[in-house]
Amino acid sequence: MDASKRAFDILASLALLALTFLLFAALAVALDSPGPVFYRQERVGRGGTLFRIWKLRTMRVDAERPGQPQWAALGDPRVTRMGRILRRFRIDELPQILNVLRGEMSFVGPRPERPHFVEYLARELPLYGERHAVKLLIPAKAPGHSDLMAPGIPR
C-alpha cells in the first residue's frame, strides 16, 4: 500500500511540475511575440495516417508562405527570441504529451515529419517509408531530419 501511494505521489508531482513548467513557458511565448501560444501542424504517423502535432510556437506567425513548407535551419531568422531558448532545451515539444495521451505518438520511435517532407524523403532515401510502421516519438535530443540527411537533400 505504501509503495503504490508513493508511486502516485511521484507521478502526480511530476505531472504538476511539468504543467507548471508548461504554463510558464506558454506565458513567456505570449509575452515575447504576438500570435497564438500553441502551434498545430499536420504530421505523418504510424501507417501513414495524418495527425496534428501540438507545440509551443517558436517562430513568427508568418514564418511560412502558404503551400511552401521549409525546414528550420541553424540561426533561422524566423525563430523568436523565446523560441531559441525553448528549442535549445526542447521545451517547445512538451505539448506533444497530448499527442502521446491520444495514442498518436510515443516516447520511443522515429520522429514524425510533415507530409510534404515525407514525400520528398521517400523519393530520396531508400526504406524511408519503413519508419511509419511504428508509433512516432517526441523528439528529445535524438537525431532528427537534419542529422540524418543524405548529401544533396536541401535542409
N, C-alpha and C. Protein backbone atom coordinates (compact mmCIF):
# COMPACT_ATOMS: atom_id res chain seq x y z
N MET A 1 0.82 -1.19 0.00
CA MET A 1 0.00 0.00 0.00
C MET A 1 0.86 1.26 0.00
N ASP A 2 1.90 1.31 0.81
CA ASP A 2 2.76 2.48 0.87
C ASP A 2 3.51 2.71 -0.44
N ALA A 3 3.90 1.63 -1.10
CA ALA A 3 4.63 1.75 -2.37
C ALA A 3 3.73 2.34 -3.45
N SER A 4 2.48 1.92 -3.52
CA SER A 4 1.57 2.46 -4.53
C SER A 4 1.24 3.92 -4.24
N LYS A 5 1.11 4.27 -2.97
CA LYS A 5 0.86 5.66 -2.60
C LYS A 5 2.06 6.53 -2.98
N ARG A 6 3.26 6.02 -2.73
CA ARG A 6 4.47 6.77 -3.07
C ARG A 6 4.59 6.93 -4.58
N ALA A 7 4.27 5.88 -5.33
CA ALA A 7 4.32 5.96 -6.80
C ALA A 7 3.34 7.02 -7.29
N PHE A 8 2.13 7.03 -6.72
CA PHE A 8 1.14 8.04 -7.10
C PHE A 8 1.66 9.44 -6.77
N ASP A 9 2.23 9.62 -5.58
CA ASP A 9 2.77 10.92 -5.18
C ASP A 9 3.83 11.41 -6.17
N ILE A 10 4.71 10.50 -6.58
CA ILE A 10 5.78 10.88 -7.51
C ILE A 10 5.21 11.24 -8.87
N LEU A 11 4.31 10.41 -9.39
CA LEU A 11 3.72 10.67 -10.71
C LEU A 11 2.89 11.96 -10.70
N ALA A 12 2.11 12.17 -9.67
CA ALA A 12 1.30 13.39 -9.57
C ALA A 12 2.20 14.62 -9.45
N SER A 13 3.26 14.52 -8.68
CA SER A 13 4.19 15.64 -8.53
C SER A 13 4.88 15.97 -9.85
N LEU A 14 5.31 14.94 -10.56
CA LEU A 14 5.95 15.17 -11.86
C LEU A 14 4.98 15.79 -12.86
N ALA A 15 3.74 15.33 -12.86
CA ALA A 15 2.72 15.89 -13.76
C ALA A 15 2.47 17.36 -13.43
N LEU A 16 2.33 17.68 -12.15
CA LEU A 16 2.10 19.07 -11.76
C LEU A 16 3.31 19.95 -12.06
N LEU A 17 4.50 19.41 -11.87
CA LEU A 17 5.72 20.15 -12.18
C LEU A 17 5.79 20.44 -13.68
N ALA A 18 5.49 19.43 -14.51
CA ALA A 18 5.50 19.62 -15.97
C ALA A 18 4.45 20.63 -16.39
N LEU A 19 3.27 20.56 -15.79
CA LEU A 19 2.20 21.50 -16.12
C LEU A 19 2.59 22.92 -15.74
N THR A 20 3.17 23.09 -14.57
CA THR A 20 3.63 24.42 -14.13
C THR A 20 4.69 24.95 -15.08
N PHE A 21 5.63 24.10 -15.44
CA PHE A 21 6.71 24.48 -16.37
C PHE A 21 6.12 24.89 -17.71
N LEU A 22 5.14 24.11 -18.19
CA LEU A 22 4.49 24.40 -19.47
C LEU A 22 3.75 25.73 -19.40
N LEU A 23 3.09 26.01 -18.30
CA LEU A 23 2.36 27.28 -18.15
C LEU A 23 3.32 28.46 -18.17
N PHE A 24 4.46 28.37 -17.50
CA PHE A 24 5.45 29.45 -17.52
C PHE A 24 6.01 29.64 -18.93
N ALA A 25 6.28 28.55 -19.62
CA ALA A 25 6.78 28.63 -20.99
C ALA A 25 5.74 29.28 -21.90
N ALA A 26 4.47 28.90 -21.74
CA ALA A 26 3.39 29.48 -22.55
C ALA A 26 3.27 30.98 -22.29
N LEU A 27 3.38 31.38 -21.04
CA LEU A 27 3.35 32.81 -20.70
C LEU A 27 4.51 33.54 -21.36
N ALA A 28 5.70 32.94 -21.34
CA ALA A 28 6.87 33.55 -21.97
C ALA A 28 6.66 33.72 -23.48
N VAL A 29 6.06 32.74 -24.14
CA VAL A 29 5.78 32.84 -25.57
C VAL A 29 4.81 33.98 -25.83
N ALA A 30 3.76 34.07 -25.01
CA ALA A 30 2.74 35.11 -25.17
C ALA A 30 3.34 36.51 -25.00
N LEU A 31 4.26 36.66 -24.07
CA LEU A 31 4.87 37.97 -23.81
C LEU A 31 5.95 38.32 -24.83
N ASP A 32 6.55 37.31 -25.46
CA ASP A 32 7.68 37.53 -26.37
C ASP A 32 7.26 38.02 -27.75
N SER A 33 6.18 37.49 -28.29
CA SER A 33 5.80 37.87 -29.65
C SER A 33 4.30 37.72 -29.84
N PRO A 34 3.72 38.52 -30.74
CA PRO A 34 2.27 38.42 -30.96
C PRO A 34 1.91 37.12 -31.66
N GLY A 35 0.70 36.66 -31.40
CA GLY A 35 0.22 35.45 -32.04
C GLY A 35 -0.16 34.40 -31.02
N PRO A 36 -0.64 33.26 -31.51
CA PRO A 36 -1.05 32.19 -30.60
C PRO A 36 0.14 31.59 -29.85
N VAL A 37 -0.12 31.05 -28.69
CA VAL A 37 0.92 30.42 -27.89
C VAL A 37 1.23 29.02 -28.42
N PHE A 38 0.19 28.30 -28.78
CA PHE A 38 0.38 26.93 -29.28
C PHE A 38 0.33 26.90 -30.79
N TYR A 39 0.98 25.91 -31.33
CA TYR A 39 1.09 25.74 -32.77
C TYR A 39 0.72 24.31 -33.10
N ARG A 40 -0.13 24.12 -34.08
CA ARG A 40 -0.51 22.77 -34.51
C ARG A 40 -0.08 22.60 -35.96
N GLN A 41 0.43 21.42 -36.25
CA GLN A 41 0.92 21.17 -37.60
C GLN A 41 0.65 19.73 -37.98
N GLU A 42 0.28 19.51 -39.22
CA GLU A 42 -0.01 18.16 -39.69
C GLU A 42 1.29 17.37 -39.84
N ARG A 43 1.27 16.13 -39.34
CA ARG A 43 2.40 15.22 -39.43
C ARG A 43 1.92 13.86 -39.90
N VAL A 44 2.87 13.05 -40.36
CA VAL A 44 2.56 11.70 -40.81
C VAL A 44 2.92 10.74 -39.68
N GLY A 45 1.95 9.92 -39.28
CA GLY A 45 2.14 8.99 -38.17
C GLY A 45 2.23 7.55 -38.63
N ARG A 46 1.99 6.68 -37.68
CA ARG A 46 2.07 5.24 -37.91
C ARG A 46 1.12 4.82 -39.04
N GLY A 47 1.63 4.04 -39.94
CA GLY A 47 0.83 3.57 -41.07
C GLY A 47 0.52 4.67 -42.07
N GLY A 48 1.20 5.81 -41.98
CA GLY A 48 0.96 6.91 -42.91
C GLY A 48 -0.25 7.76 -42.58
N THR A 49 -0.86 7.52 -41.41
CA THR A 49 -2.03 8.33 -41.04
C THR A 49 -1.59 9.74 -40.66
N LEU A 50 -2.43 10.69 -40.96
CA LEU A 50 -2.13 12.09 -40.65
C LEU A 50 -2.70 12.45 -39.29
N PHE A 51 -1.97 13.24 -38.54
CA PHE A 51 -2.45 13.78 -37.26
C PHE A 51 -1.86 15.15 -37.07
N ARG A 52 -2.42 15.90 -36.13
CA ARG A 52 -1.93 17.25 -35.86
C ARG A 52 -1.11 17.24 -34.58
N ILE A 53 0.13 17.69 -34.70
CA ILE A 53 1.06 17.73 -33.58
C ILE A 53 0.90 19.07 -32.85
N TRP A 54 1.06 19.03 -31.54
CA TRP A 54 0.99 20.24 -30.71
C TRP A 54 2.40 20.66 -30.30
N LYS A 55 2.67 21.96 -30.37
CA LYS A 55 3.95 22.51 -29.93
C LYS A 55 3.71 23.92 -29.39
N LEU A 56 4.65 24.40 -28.60
CA LEU A 56 4.65 25.82 -28.27
C LEU A 56 5.20 26.55 -29.50
N ARG A 57 4.62 27.68 -29.85
CA ARG A 57 5.07 28.41 -31.03
C ARG A 57 6.44 29.02 -30.77
N THR A 58 7.39 28.75 -31.66
CA THR A 58 8.75 29.26 -31.52
C THR A 58 9.16 30.15 -32.69
N MET A 59 8.29 30.26 -33.69
CA MET A 59 8.58 31.10 -34.86
C MET A 59 7.54 32.21 -34.99
N ARG A 60 7.88 33.19 -35.81
CA ARG A 60 6.91 34.25 -36.12
C ARG A 60 5.66 33.60 -36.73
N VAL A 61 4.55 34.27 -36.60
CA VAL A 61 3.29 33.75 -37.14
C VAL A 61 3.37 33.60 -38.66
N ASP A 62 4.09 34.49 -39.33
CA ASP A 62 4.19 34.46 -40.79
C ASP A 62 5.46 33.73 -41.27
N ALA A 63 5.87 32.71 -40.54
CA ALA A 63 7.14 32.03 -40.82
C ALA A 63 7.17 31.32 -42.18
N GLU A 64 6.03 30.88 -42.66
CA GLU A 64 5.99 30.20 -43.96
C GLU A 64 4.89 30.80 -44.82
N ARG A 65 5.18 30.83 -46.12
CA ARG A 65 4.13 31.21 -47.06
C ARG A 65 3.24 29.99 -47.25
N PRO A 66 1.94 30.19 -47.41
CA PRO A 66 1.05 29.03 -47.63
C PRO A 66 1.51 28.17 -48.80
N GLY A 67 1.53 26.85 -48.57
CA GLY A 67 1.91 25.91 -49.62
C GLY A 67 3.40 25.81 -49.87
N GLN A 68 4.23 26.48 -49.07
CA GLN A 68 5.67 26.43 -49.26
C GLN A 68 6.38 26.05 -47.97
N PRO A 69 6.23 24.80 -47.53
CA PRO A 69 6.90 24.38 -46.29
C PRO A 69 8.41 24.43 -46.44
N GLN A 70 9.07 24.73 -45.34
CA GLN A 70 10.53 24.73 -45.35
C GLN A 70 11.05 24.28 -43.99
N TRP A 71 12.19 23.57 -44.03
CA TRP A 71 12.81 23.12 -42.79
C TRP A 71 13.44 24.30 -42.08
N ALA A 72 13.49 24.22 -40.78
CA ALA A 72 14.20 25.22 -39.99
C ALA A 72 15.69 24.99 -40.15
N ALA A 73 16.45 26.06 -40.07
CA ALA A 73 17.91 25.97 -40.20
C ALA A 73 18.56 26.56 -38.96
N LEU A 74 19.82 26.24 -38.76
CA LEU A 74 20.57 26.85 -37.65
C LEU A 74 20.57 28.36 -37.82
N GLY A 75 20.29 29.08 -36.76
CA GLY A 75 20.26 30.54 -36.83
C GLY A 75 19.10 31.09 -37.65
N ASP A 76 18.06 30.31 -37.82
CA ASP A 76 16.90 30.69 -38.64
C ASP A 76 16.32 32.01 -38.12
N PRO A 77 16.22 33.04 -38.98
CA PRO A 77 15.72 34.34 -38.52
C PRO A 77 14.23 34.34 -38.19
N ARG A 78 13.51 33.29 -38.55
CA ARG A 78 12.08 33.21 -38.25
C ARG A 78 11.83 32.84 -36.79
N VAL A 79 12.83 32.31 -36.11
CA VAL A 79 12.68 31.88 -34.71
C VAL A 79 12.69 33.11 -33.80
N THR A 80 11.75 33.15 -32.87
CA THR A 80 11.66 34.28 -31.94
C THR A 80 12.75 34.17 -30.86
N ARG A 81 12.91 35.25 -30.10
CA ARG A 81 13.91 35.22 -29.00
C ARG A 81 13.61 34.09 -28.03
N MET A 82 12.36 34.01 -27.57
CA MET A 82 11.99 32.95 -26.63
C MET A 82 12.03 31.60 -27.32
N GLY A 83 11.73 31.57 -28.60
CA GLY A 83 11.76 30.34 -29.37
C GLY A 83 13.14 29.69 -29.37
N ARG A 84 14.19 30.52 -29.41
CA ARG A 84 15.56 29.97 -29.37
C ARG A 84 15.81 29.21 -28.07
N ILE A 85 15.34 29.77 -26.97
CA ILE A 85 15.52 29.12 -25.67
C ILE A 85 14.68 27.84 -25.59
N LEU A 86 13.42 27.94 -26.00
CA LEU A 86 12.54 26.78 -25.94
C LEU A 86 13.06 25.64 -26.80
N ARG A 87 13.56 25.96 -27.99
CA ARG A 87 14.09 24.93 -28.88
C ARG A 87 15.38 24.32 -28.33
N ARG A 88 16.23 25.15 -27.77
CA ARG A 88 17.50 24.64 -27.25
C ARG A 88 17.29 23.54 -26.21
N PHE A 89 16.30 23.73 -25.37
CA PHE A 89 16.03 22.76 -24.30
C PHE A 89 14.84 21.84 -24.60
N ARG A 90 14.33 21.92 -25.83
CA ARG A 90 13.21 21.09 -26.31
C ARG A 90 11.91 21.32 -25.52
N ILE A 91 11.81 22.47 -24.89
CA ILE A 91 10.62 22.79 -24.11
C ILE A 91 9.40 22.95 -25.03
N ASP A 92 9.63 23.39 -26.26
CA ASP A 92 8.53 23.57 -27.21
C ASP A 92 7.83 22.25 -27.54
N GLU A 93 8.47 21.12 -27.22
CA GLU A 93 7.90 19.80 -27.50
C GLU A 93 6.96 19.30 -26.40
N LEU A 94 6.95 19.95 -25.23
CA LEU A 94 6.13 19.48 -24.10
C LEU A 94 4.66 19.26 -24.43
N PRO A 95 4.02 20.15 -25.21
CA PRO A 95 2.59 19.91 -25.51
C PRO A 95 2.33 18.61 -26.28
N GLN A 96 3.37 18.01 -26.85
CA GLN A 96 3.18 16.75 -27.57
C GLN A 96 2.81 15.59 -26.64
N ILE A 97 2.90 15.83 -25.36
CA ILE A 97 2.42 14.83 -24.41
C ILE A 97 0.93 14.56 -24.68
N LEU A 98 0.21 15.60 -25.13
CA LEU A 98 -1.20 15.41 -25.51
C LEU A 98 -1.30 14.40 -26.66
N ASN A 99 -0.38 14.48 -27.62
CA ASN A 99 -0.38 13.51 -28.72
C ASN A 99 -0.09 12.10 -28.23
N VAL A 100 0.78 11.99 -27.22
CA VAL A 100 1.08 10.68 -26.63
C VAL A 100 -0.16 10.14 -25.94
N LEU A 101 -0.82 10.98 -25.16
CA LEU A 101 -2.03 10.56 -24.45
C LEU A 101 -3.13 10.13 -25.42
N ARG A 102 -3.19 10.77 -26.58
CA ARG A 102 -4.19 10.42 -27.60
C ARG A 102 -3.78 9.19 -28.42
N GLY A 103 -2.56 8.67 -28.20
CA GLY A 103 -2.11 7.48 -28.90
C GLY A 103 -1.53 7.75 -30.28
N GLU A 104 -1.27 9.01 -30.60
CA GLU A 104 -0.75 9.38 -31.92
C GLU A 104 0.78 9.32 -31.97
N MET A 105 1.41 9.43 -30.79
CA MET A 105 2.87 9.43 -30.71
C MET A 105 3.29 8.58 -29.52
N SER A 106 4.60 8.37 -29.43
CA SER A 106 5.18 7.61 -28.33
C SER A 106 6.46 8.32 -27.90
N PHE A 107 6.98 7.94 -26.73
CA PHE A 107 8.25 8.48 -26.30
C PHE A 107 9.41 7.78 -26.99
N VAL A 108 9.14 6.64 -27.64
CA VAL A 108 10.18 5.87 -28.31
C VAL A 108 9.74 5.60 -29.75
N GLY A 109 10.60 5.90 -30.71
CA GLY A 109 10.29 5.66 -32.11
C GLY A 109 10.84 6.78 -32.98
N PRO A 110 10.62 6.71 -34.29
CA PRO A 110 11.14 7.75 -35.18
C PRO A 110 10.36 9.06 -35.05
N ARG A 111 10.99 10.13 -35.45
CA ARG A 111 10.40 11.47 -35.38
C ARG A 111 9.34 11.62 -36.48
N PRO A 112 8.16 12.16 -36.15
CA PRO A 112 7.14 12.40 -37.17
C PRO A 112 7.54 13.58 -38.05
N GLU A 113 7.21 13.53 -39.31
CA GLU A 113 7.58 14.60 -40.23
C GLU A 113 6.34 15.10 -40.96
N ARG A 114 6.46 16.25 -41.59
CA ARG A 114 5.36 16.85 -42.34
C ARG A 114 5.15 16.10 -43.65
N PRO A 115 3.90 16.00 -44.12
CA PRO A 115 3.62 15.24 -45.35
C PRO A 115 4.47 15.66 -46.55
N HIS A 116 4.67 16.95 -46.73
CA HIS A 116 5.48 17.44 -47.85
C HIS A 116 6.89 16.85 -47.81
N PHE A 117 7.48 16.84 -46.63
CA PHE A 117 8.84 16.33 -46.49
C PHE A 117 8.89 14.81 -46.55
N VAL A 118 7.83 14.14 -46.07
CA VAL A 118 7.78 12.69 -46.15
C VAL A 118 7.81 12.24 -47.61
N GLU A 119 7.02 12.91 -48.44
CA GLU A 119 7.00 12.58 -49.87
C GLU A 119 8.39 12.75 -50.48
N TYR A 120 9.04 13.86 -50.15
CA TYR A 120 10.37 14.13 -50.69
C TYR A 120 11.39 13.10 -50.19
N LEU A 121 11.38 12.86 -48.89
CA LEU A 121 12.35 11.93 -48.30
C LEU A 121 12.13 10.50 -48.79
N ALA A 122 10.89 10.11 -49.01
CA ALA A 122 10.59 8.76 -49.50
C ALA A 122 11.16 8.56 -50.91
N ARG A 123 11.18 9.64 -51.70
CA ARG A 123 11.77 9.55 -53.05
C ARG A 123 13.30 9.49 -52.98
N GLU A 124 13.89 10.19 -52.02
CA GLU A 124 15.35 10.36 -51.97
C GLU A 124 16.08 9.31 -51.12
N LEU A 125 15.43 8.77 -50.10
CA LEU A 125 16.11 7.86 -49.18
C LEU A 125 15.47 6.48 -49.22
N PRO A 126 16.23 5.46 -49.60
CA PRO A 126 15.67 4.11 -49.62
C PRO A 126 15.18 3.70 -48.23
N LEU A 127 14.09 3.02 -48.18
CA LEU A 127 13.50 2.48 -46.95
C LEU A 127 12.98 3.55 -45.99
N TYR A 128 12.91 4.81 -46.41
CA TYR A 128 12.42 5.87 -45.51
C TYR A 128 11.00 5.56 -45.02
N GLY A 129 10.17 5.01 -45.90
CA GLY A 129 8.78 4.71 -45.55
C GLY A 129 8.63 3.68 -44.44
N GLU A 130 9.67 2.89 -44.19
CA GLU A 130 9.61 1.87 -43.13
C GLU A 130 9.40 2.48 -41.75
N ARG A 131 9.79 3.70 -41.57
CA ARG A 131 9.67 4.35 -40.26
C ARG A 131 8.22 4.52 -39.84
N HIS A 132 7.28 4.47 -40.79
CA HIS A 132 5.87 4.65 -40.45
C HIS A 132 5.18 3.35 -40.03
N ALA A 133 5.98 2.31 -39.83
CA ALA A 133 5.43 1.04 -39.34
C ALA A 133 5.28 1.06 -37.83
N VAL A 134 5.87 2.07 -37.16
CA VAL A 134 5.81 2.17 -35.70
C VAL A 134 5.26 3.52 -35.29
N LYS A 135 4.82 3.63 -34.04
CA LYS A 135 4.36 4.90 -33.49
C LYS A 135 5.56 5.83 -33.37
N LEU A 136 5.37 7.10 -33.68
CA LEU A 136 6.46 8.06 -33.72
C LEU A 136 6.70 8.70 -32.35
N LEU A 137 7.87 9.33 -32.21
CA LEU A 137 8.27 9.81 -30.89
C LEU A 137 8.24 11.30 -30.73
N ILE A 138 8.34 11.72 -29.48
CA ILE A 138 8.57 13.12 -29.14
C ILE A 138 10.07 13.33 -29.27
N PRO A 139 10.52 14.25 -30.13
CA PRO A 139 11.96 14.47 -30.28
C PRO A 139 12.58 14.97 -28.98
N ALA A 140 13.69 14.37 -28.59
CA ALA A 140 14.39 14.79 -27.38
C ALA A 140 15.87 14.51 -27.53
N LYS A 141 16.55 15.43 -28.15
CA LYS A 141 17.99 15.30 -28.39
C LYS A 141 18.33 14.03 -29.17
N ALA A 142 17.38 13.55 -29.94
CA ALA A 142 17.61 12.40 -30.80
C ALA A 142 17.89 12.93 -32.19
N PRO A 143 18.56 12.13 -33.03
CA PRO A 143 18.82 12.61 -34.38
C PRO A 143 17.51 12.93 -35.09
N GLY A 144 17.44 14.10 -35.68
CA GLY A 144 16.26 14.50 -36.43
C GLY A 144 16.56 14.48 -37.91
N HIS A 145 15.67 15.05 -38.70
CA HIS A 145 15.85 15.01 -40.14
C HIS A 145 17.15 15.66 -40.57
N SER A 146 17.55 16.76 -39.93
CA SER A 146 18.77 17.45 -40.36
C SER A 146 20.02 16.65 -40.00
N ASP A 147 19.94 15.77 -39.02
CA ASP A 147 21.09 14.97 -38.63
C ASP A 147 21.26 13.74 -39.51
N LEU A 148 20.20 13.33 -40.16
CA LEU A 148 20.22 12.07 -40.91
C LEU A 148 20.12 12.27 -42.41
N MET A 149 20.22 13.50 -42.89
CA MET A 149 20.02 13.77 -44.29
C MET A 149 21.15 13.23 -45.15
N ALA A 150 20.77 12.73 -46.30
CA ALA A 150 21.75 12.31 -47.30
C ALA A 150 22.30 13.53 -47.98
N PRO A 151 23.54 13.47 -48.48
CA PRO A 151 24.11 14.62 -49.20
C PRO A 151 23.22 15.01 -50.37
N GLY A 152 23.08 16.30 -50.58
CA GLY A 152 22.30 16.79 -51.70
C GLY A 152 20.84 17.04 -51.40
N ILE A 153 20.38 16.66 -50.22
CA ILE A 153 18.98 16.90 -49.86
C ILE A 153 18.92 18.26 -49.16
N PRO A 154 18.09 19.18 -49.69
CA PRO A 154 18.02 20.51 -49.08
C PRO A 154 17.51 20.44 -47.66
N ARG A 155 18.04 21.31 -46.80
CA ARG A 155 17.65 21.34 -45.40
C ARG A 155 16.78 22.51 -45.11
